[in-house]
Amino acid sequence: MLKEEKVRRFLGGYGYAHGEPDKDIARLCERMNLYSRKKIPFPHEIGVFLDYPLEDVKAFIRNNGRESLLTGYWKVYHAPERARLIFSAYDKARDSAVNEFLIGKDIKEIAKIGV
């Protein structure tokens, strides 16, 4: 998603001019640091890094987090039915991971890292 042109243009408005993941993450860290020092408002563009739909991120910023159609893993302003399906998939993945943890698997096994 970060490589999509419309996302690149959006992030460009916040000083992300690289299109390279490492540099974009460095810029996000810089903005989070500025926020923690109360120099800027919270960088809500972080939503696109979390793979939230761009239109929802933009609407959240524009509406100051108000007037969403649905609230779940993020505030939804467009395509609520699609978001419900994604939220359901996330819930199932979470439940599955918790169940695997409860039967004794470690995080690497659950995440299938190095398996």
N, C-alpha and C. Protein backbone atom coordinates (compact mmCIF):
# COMPACT_ATOMS: atom_id res chain seq x y z
N MET A 1 0.82 -1.20 0.00
CA MET A 1 0.00 0.00 0.00
C MET A 1 0.87 1.27 0.00
N LEU A 2 1.98 1.25 0.72
CA LEU A 2 2.82 2.44 0.81
C LEU A 2 3.41 2.86 -0.53
N LYS A 3 3.47 1.93 -1.47
CA LYS A 3 4.04 2.26 -2.78
C LYS A 3 3.00 2.79 -3.76
N GLU A 4 1.74 2.76 -3.38
CA GLU A 4 0.69 3.27 -4.26
C GLU A 4 0.87 4.78 -4.43
N GLU A 5 0.66 5.26 -5.64
CA GLU A 5 0.87 6.68 -5.94
C GLU A 5 0.02 7.59 -5.06
N LYS A 6 -1.24 7.24 -4.86
CA LYS A 6 -2.11 8.11 -4.05
C LYS A 6 -1.64 8.15 -2.59
N VAL A 7 -1.09 7.05 -2.10
CA VAL A 7 -0.55 7.03 -0.73
C VAL A 7 0.73 7.86 -0.69
N ARG A 8 1.57 7.74 -1.72
CA ARG A 8 2.82 8.52 -1.80
C ARG A 8 2.50 10.02 -1.76
N ARG A 9 1.49 10.42 -2.55
CA ARG A 9 1.10 11.85 -2.57
C ARG A 9 0.61 12.29 -1.20
N PHE A 10 -0.21 11.47 -0.58
CA PHE A 10 -0.72 11.79 0.76
C PHE A 10 0.42 11.95 1.75
N LEU A 11 1.32 10.98 1.79
CA LEU A 11 2.45 11.05 2.72
C LEU A 11 3.38 12.21 2.40
N GLY A 12 3.48 12.56 1.13
CA GLY A 12 4.31 13.70 0.73
C GLY A 12 3.89 14.98 1.43
N GLY A 13 2.61 15.10 1.72
CA GLY A 13 2.10 16.27 2.43
C GLY A 13 2.59 16.35 3.87
N TYR A 14 3.15 15.26 4.37
CA TYR A 14 3.69 15.22 5.73
C TYR A 14 5.22 15.09 5.72
N GLY A 15 5.82 15.35 4.57
CA GLY A 15 7.27 15.33 4.49
C GLY A 15 7.89 13.99 4.17
N TYR A 16 7.10 13.02 3.78
CA TYR A 16 7.62 11.72 3.36
C TYR A 16 7.86 11.81 1.86
N ALA A 17 9.11 11.91 1.46
CA ALA A 17 9.39 12.11 0.04
C ALA A 17 10.20 10.97 -0.55
N HIS A 18 10.35 9.91 0.17
CA HIS A 18 11.32 8.90 -0.23
C HIS A 18 10.73 7.74 -1.03
N GLY A 19 9.64 7.18 -0.57
CA GLY A 19 9.12 5.98 -1.22
C GLY A 19 9.95 4.75 -0.91
N GLU A 20 10.88 4.89 0.00
CA GLU A 20 11.71 3.77 0.44
C GLU A 20 11.30 3.43 1.88
N PRO A 21 10.91 2.18 2.14
CA PRO A 21 10.38 1.83 3.46
C PRO A 21 11.26 2.27 4.64
N ASP A 22 12.56 2.05 4.57
CA ASP A 22 13.42 2.42 5.69
C ASP A 22 13.39 3.93 5.95
N LYS A 23 13.41 4.71 4.89
CA LYS A 23 13.39 6.16 5.04
C LYS A 23 12.01 6.65 5.50
N ASP A 24 10.96 6.00 5.01
CA ASP A 24 9.61 6.37 5.45
C ASP A 24 9.43 6.05 6.94
N ILE A 25 9.92 4.92 7.38
CA ILE A 25 9.83 4.57 8.81
C ILE A 25 10.65 5.55 9.64
N ALA A 26 11.82 5.94 9.14
CA ALA A 26 12.64 6.92 9.85
C ALA A 26 11.88 8.24 9.98
N ARG A 27 11.19 8.66 8.92
CA ARG A 27 10.40 9.90 8.97
C ARG A 27 9.25 9.76 9.96
N LEU A 28 8.59 8.61 9.97
CA LEU A 28 7.52 8.40 10.93
C LEU A 28 8.06 8.46 12.36
N CYS A 29 9.21 7.85 12.59
CA CYS A 29 9.83 7.91 13.92
C CYS A 29 10.15 9.35 14.32
N GLU A 30 10.65 10.10 13.36
CA GLU A 30 10.94 11.51 13.61
C GLU A 30 9.67 12.26 14.01
N ARG A 31 8.59 12.00 13.28
CA ARG A 31 7.32 12.68 13.60
C ARG A 31 6.75 12.22 14.95
N MET A 32 6.91 10.93 15.26
CA MET A 32 6.46 10.45 16.57
C MET A 32 7.27 11.11 17.69
N ASN A 33 8.57 11.28 17.45
CA ASN A 33 9.43 11.95 18.42
C ASN A 33 8.98 13.40 18.62
N LEU A 34 8.70 14.10 17.52
CA LEU A 34 8.20 15.48 17.63
C LEU A 34 6.89 15.52 18.41
N TYR A 35 6.03 14.56 18.15
CA TYR A 35 4.76 14.49 18.88
C TYR A 35 5.02 14.27 20.38
N SER A 36 5.92 13.37 20.71
CA SER A 36 6.19 13.06 22.12
C SER A 36 6.76 14.28 22.86
N ARG A 37 7.39 15.18 22.10
CA ARG A 37 7.91 16.41 22.70
C ARG A 37 6.92 17.57 22.57
N LYS A 38 5.68 17.22 22.17
CA LYS A 38 4.59 18.19 22.04
C LYS A 38 4.87 19.29 21.02
N LYS A 39 5.61 18.94 19.97
CA LYS A 39 5.94 19.91 18.91
C LYS A 39 4.93 19.87 17.77
N ILE A 40 4.27 18.71 17.58
CA ILE A 40 3.27 18.56 16.51
C ILE A 40 2.12 17.72 17.06
N PRO A 41 0.95 17.79 16.41
CA PRO A 41 -0.15 16.90 16.79
C PRO A 41 0.22 15.45 16.44
N PHE A 42 -0.54 14.51 16.98
CA PHE A 42 -0.27 13.11 16.69
C PHE A 42 -0.26 12.87 15.18
N PRO A 43 0.72 12.13 14.68
CA PRO A 43 0.81 11.87 13.23
C PRO A 43 -0.14 10.75 12.78
N HIS A 44 -1.38 11.11 12.57
CA HIS A 44 -2.39 10.11 12.20
C HIS A 44 -2.13 9.43 10.87
N GLU A 45 -1.19 9.94 10.09
CA GLU A 45 -0.83 9.24 8.86
C GLU A 45 -0.27 7.86 9.15
N ILE A 46 0.03 7.59 10.40
CA ILE A 46 0.50 6.26 10.80
C ILE A 46 -0.48 5.18 10.34
N GLY A 47 -1.75 5.56 10.18
CA GLY A 47 -2.75 4.60 9.73
C GLY A 47 -2.40 3.91 8.43
N VAL A 48 -1.79 4.63 7.49
CA VAL A 48 -1.45 3.98 6.23
C VAL A 48 -0.30 2.99 6.42
N PHE A 49 0.56 3.22 7.41
CA PHE A 49 1.62 2.27 7.72
C PHE A 49 1.04 0.99 8.32
N LEU A 50 -0.12 1.13 8.97
CA LEU A 50 -0.81 -0.01 9.56
C LEU A 50 -1.77 -0.66 8.58
N ASP A 51 -1.74 -0.19 7.34
CA ASP A 51 -2.55 -0.71 6.23
C ASP A 51 -4.04 -0.40 6.38
N TYR A 52 -4.36 0.68 7.09
CA TYR A 52 -5.74 1.15 7.11
C TYR A 52 -6.03 1.76 5.75
N PRO A 53 -7.26 1.68 5.28
CA PRO A 53 -7.58 2.28 3.98
C PRO A 53 -7.29 3.78 3.98
N LEU A 54 -6.66 4.24 2.92
CA LEU A 54 -6.28 5.65 2.81
C LEU A 54 -7.47 6.57 3.01
N GLU A 55 -8.60 6.26 2.40
CA GLU A 55 -9.77 7.13 2.53
C GLU A 55 -10.24 7.25 3.98
N ASP A 56 -10.10 6.18 4.75
CA ASP A 56 -10.47 6.24 6.16
C ASP A 56 -9.48 7.08 6.95
N VAL A 57 -8.19 6.96 6.64
CA VAL A 57 -7.18 7.77 7.33
C VAL A 57 -7.42 9.25 7.04
N LYS A 58 -7.65 9.57 5.78
CA LYS A 58 -7.88 10.97 5.41
C LYS A 58 -9.15 11.51 6.08
N ALA A 59 -10.21 10.71 6.10
CA ALA A 59 -11.47 11.15 6.71
C ALA A 59 -11.32 11.30 8.22
N PHE A 60 -10.56 10.41 8.84
CA PHE A 60 -10.32 10.52 10.28
C PHE A 60 -9.64 11.85 10.59
N ILE A 61 -8.62 12.19 9.81
CA ILE A 61 -7.89 13.44 10.02
C ILE A 61 -8.83 14.63 9.78
N ARG A 62 -9.56 14.59 8.69
CA ARG A 62 -10.47 15.68 8.32
C ARG A 62 -11.57 15.89 9.36
N ASN A 63 -12.07 14.79 9.94
CA ASN A 63 -13.19 14.86 10.89
C ASN A 63 -12.75 14.82 12.34
N ASN A 64 -11.44 14.90 12.57
CA ASN A 64 -10.92 14.83 13.94
C ASN A 64 -11.42 13.61 14.69
N GLY A 65 -11.54 12.50 13.98
CA GLY A 65 -11.95 11.25 14.60
C GLY A 65 -13.43 11.12 14.89
N ARG A 66 -14.20 12.09 14.46
CA ARG A 66 -15.66 12.06 14.73
C ARG A 66 -16.42 11.59 13.49
N GLU A 67 -17.67 11.22 13.74
CA GLU A 67 -18.63 10.91 12.67
C GLU A 67 -18.26 9.71 11.81
N SER A 68 -17.60 8.73 12.40
CA SER A 68 -17.30 7.51 11.65
C SER A 68 -18.55 6.66 11.51
N LEU A 69 -18.55 5.80 10.52
CA LEU A 69 -19.68 4.90 10.29
C LEU A 69 -19.57 3.65 11.15
N LEU A 70 -18.34 3.31 11.52
CA LEU A 70 -18.08 2.07 12.24
C LEU A 70 -16.74 2.23 12.95
N THR A 71 -16.65 1.66 14.14
CA THR A 71 -15.38 1.67 14.86
C THR A 71 -15.01 0.23 15.18
N GLY A 72 -13.81 -0.12 14.86
CA GLY A 72 -13.28 -1.46 15.14
C GLY A 72 -11.79 -1.34 15.35
N TYR A 73 -11.01 -1.96 14.50
CA TYR A 73 -9.56 -1.84 14.57
C TYR A 73 -9.11 -0.45 14.14
N TRP A 74 -9.93 0.24 13.40
CA TRP A 74 -9.75 1.65 13.06
C TRP A 74 -11.13 2.24 12.89
N LYS A 75 -11.23 3.55 12.78
CA LYS A 75 -12.51 4.21 12.53
C LYS A 75 -12.76 4.20 11.03
N VAL A 76 -13.93 3.72 10.67
CA VAL A 76 -14.29 3.50 9.27
C VAL A 76 -15.22 4.61 8.79
N TYR A 77 -14.85 5.20 7.66
CA TYR A 77 -15.66 6.26 7.05
C TYR A 77 -16.17 5.86 5.68
N HIS A 78 -15.56 4.84 5.09
CA HIS A 78 -15.94 4.37 3.75
C HIS A 78 -15.98 2.84 3.77
N ALA A 79 -16.86 2.24 3.02
CA ALA A 79 -16.94 0.79 2.84
C ALA A 79 -17.03 0.03 4.18
N PRO A 80 -18.06 0.31 4.97
CA PRO A 80 -18.16 -0.36 6.27
C PRO A 80 -18.34 -1.88 6.17
N GLU A 81 -19.00 -2.36 5.14
CA GLU A 81 -19.18 -3.82 5.02
C GLU A 81 -17.84 -4.51 4.78
N ARG A 82 -17.02 -3.91 3.94
CA ARG A 82 -15.68 -4.46 3.70
C ARG A 82 -14.87 -4.45 5.01
N ALA A 83 -14.96 -3.35 5.74
CA ALA A 83 -14.24 -3.25 7.01
C ALA A 83 -14.73 -4.31 8.00
N ARG A 84 -16.04 -4.58 8.04
CA ARG A 84 -16.56 -5.62 8.95
C ARG A 84 -15.94 -6.98 8.63
N LEU A 85 -15.79 -7.28 7.35
CA LEU A 85 -15.17 -8.54 6.95
C LEU A 85 -13.70 -8.60 7.40
N ILE A 86 -12.99 -7.50 7.25
CA ILE A 86 -11.60 -7.45 7.70
C ILE A 86 -11.52 -7.59 9.21
N PHE A 87 -12.37 -6.88 9.94
CA PHE A 87 -12.38 -6.98 11.40
C PHE A 87 -12.65 -8.42 11.84
N SER A 88 -13.57 -9.08 11.16
CA SER A 88 -13.88 -10.47 11.48
C SER A 88 -12.66 -11.37 11.24
N ALA A 89 -11.97 -11.16 10.14
CA ALA A 89 -10.76 -11.94 9.85
C ALA A 89 -9.70 -11.69 10.91
N TYR A 90 -9.53 -10.44 11.33
CA TYR A 90 -8.56 -10.12 12.38
C TYR A 90 -8.93 -10.81 13.69
N ASP A 91 -10.23 -10.79 14.02
CA ASP A 91 -10.69 -11.45 15.25
C ASP A 91 -10.39 -12.95 15.21
N LYS A 92 -10.64 -13.58 14.07
CA LYS A 92 -10.36 -15.01 13.94
C LYS A 92 -8.88 -15.30 14.06
N ALA A 93 -8.05 -14.47 13.45
CA ALA A 93 -6.59 -14.65 13.55
C ALA A 93 -6.13 -14.50 14.99
N ARG A 94 -6.66 -13.49 15.68
CA ARG A 94 -6.31 -13.28 17.10
C ARG A 94 -6.71 -14.48 17.94
N ASP A 95 -7.95 -14.95 17.77
CA ASP A 95 -8.43 -16.09 18.54
C ASP A 95 -7.59 -17.33 18.27
N SER A 96 -7.23 -17.53 17.03
CA SER A 96 -6.41 -18.68 16.67
C SER A 96 -5.04 -18.59 17.34
N ALA A 97 -4.43 -17.40 17.31
CA ALA A 97 -3.12 -17.21 17.93
C ALA A 97 -3.19 -17.43 19.44
N VAL A 98 -4.22 -16.94 20.07
CA VAL A 98 -4.38 -17.13 21.52
C VAL A 98 -4.55 -18.61 21.84
N ASN A 99 -5.36 -19.30 21.07
CA ASN A 99 -5.56 -20.74 21.31
C ASN A 99 -4.26 -21.52 21.15
N GLU A 100 -3.47 -21.17 20.14
CA GLU A 100 -2.19 -21.85 19.95
C GLU A 100 -1.24 -21.56 21.11
N PHE A 101 -1.26 -20.34 21.61
CA PHE A 101 -0.45 -19.98 22.77
C PHE A 101 -0.88 -20.80 23.99
N LEU A 102 -2.18 -20.93 24.18
CA LEU A 102 -2.70 -21.66 25.34
C LEU A 102 -2.37 -23.15 25.32
N ILE A 103 -2.12 -23.71 24.13
CA ILE A 103 -1.74 -25.12 24.09
C ILE A 103 -0.22 -25.31 24.13
N GLY A 104 0.50 -24.17 24.31
CA GLY A 104 1.92 -24.28 24.55
C GLY A 104 2.86 -23.87 23.44
N LYS A 105 2.34 -23.38 22.33
CA LYS A 105 3.23 -22.95 21.25
C LYS A 105 3.87 -21.61 21.62
N ASP A 106 5.13 -21.42 21.16
CA ASP A 106 5.76 -20.13 21.40
C ASP A 106 5.44 -19.18 20.24
N ILE A 107 5.81 -17.93 20.41
CA ILE A 107 5.43 -16.90 19.44
C ILE A 107 5.99 -17.18 18.04
N LYS A 108 7.19 -17.75 17.96
CA LYS A 108 7.75 -18.06 16.64
C LYS A 108 6.94 -19.14 15.93
N GLU A 109 6.47 -20.11 16.68
CA GLU A 109 5.63 -21.16 16.08
C GLU A 109 4.29 -20.58 15.63
N ILE A 110 3.72 -19.73 16.47
CA ILE A 110 2.43 -19.15 16.16
C ILE A 110 2.52 -18.26 14.92
N ALA A 111 3.58 -17.47 14.85
CA ALA A 111 3.75 -16.56 13.71
C ALA A 111 4.37 -17.27 12.51
N LYS A 112 4.73 -18.53 12.70
CA LYS A 112 5.33 -19.34 11.64
C LYS A 112 6.66 -18.75 11.16
N ILE A 113 7.42 -18.20 12.13
CA ILE A 113 8.73 -17.61 11.82
C ILE A 113 9.78 -18.70 11.96
N GLY A 114 10.53 -18.93 10.91
CA GLY A 114 11.62 -19.90 10.96
C GLY A 114 11.14 -21.34 11.09
N VAL A 115 9.89 -21.58 10.75
CA VAL A 115 9.35 -22.94 10.87
C VAL A 115 9.42 -23.63 9.54
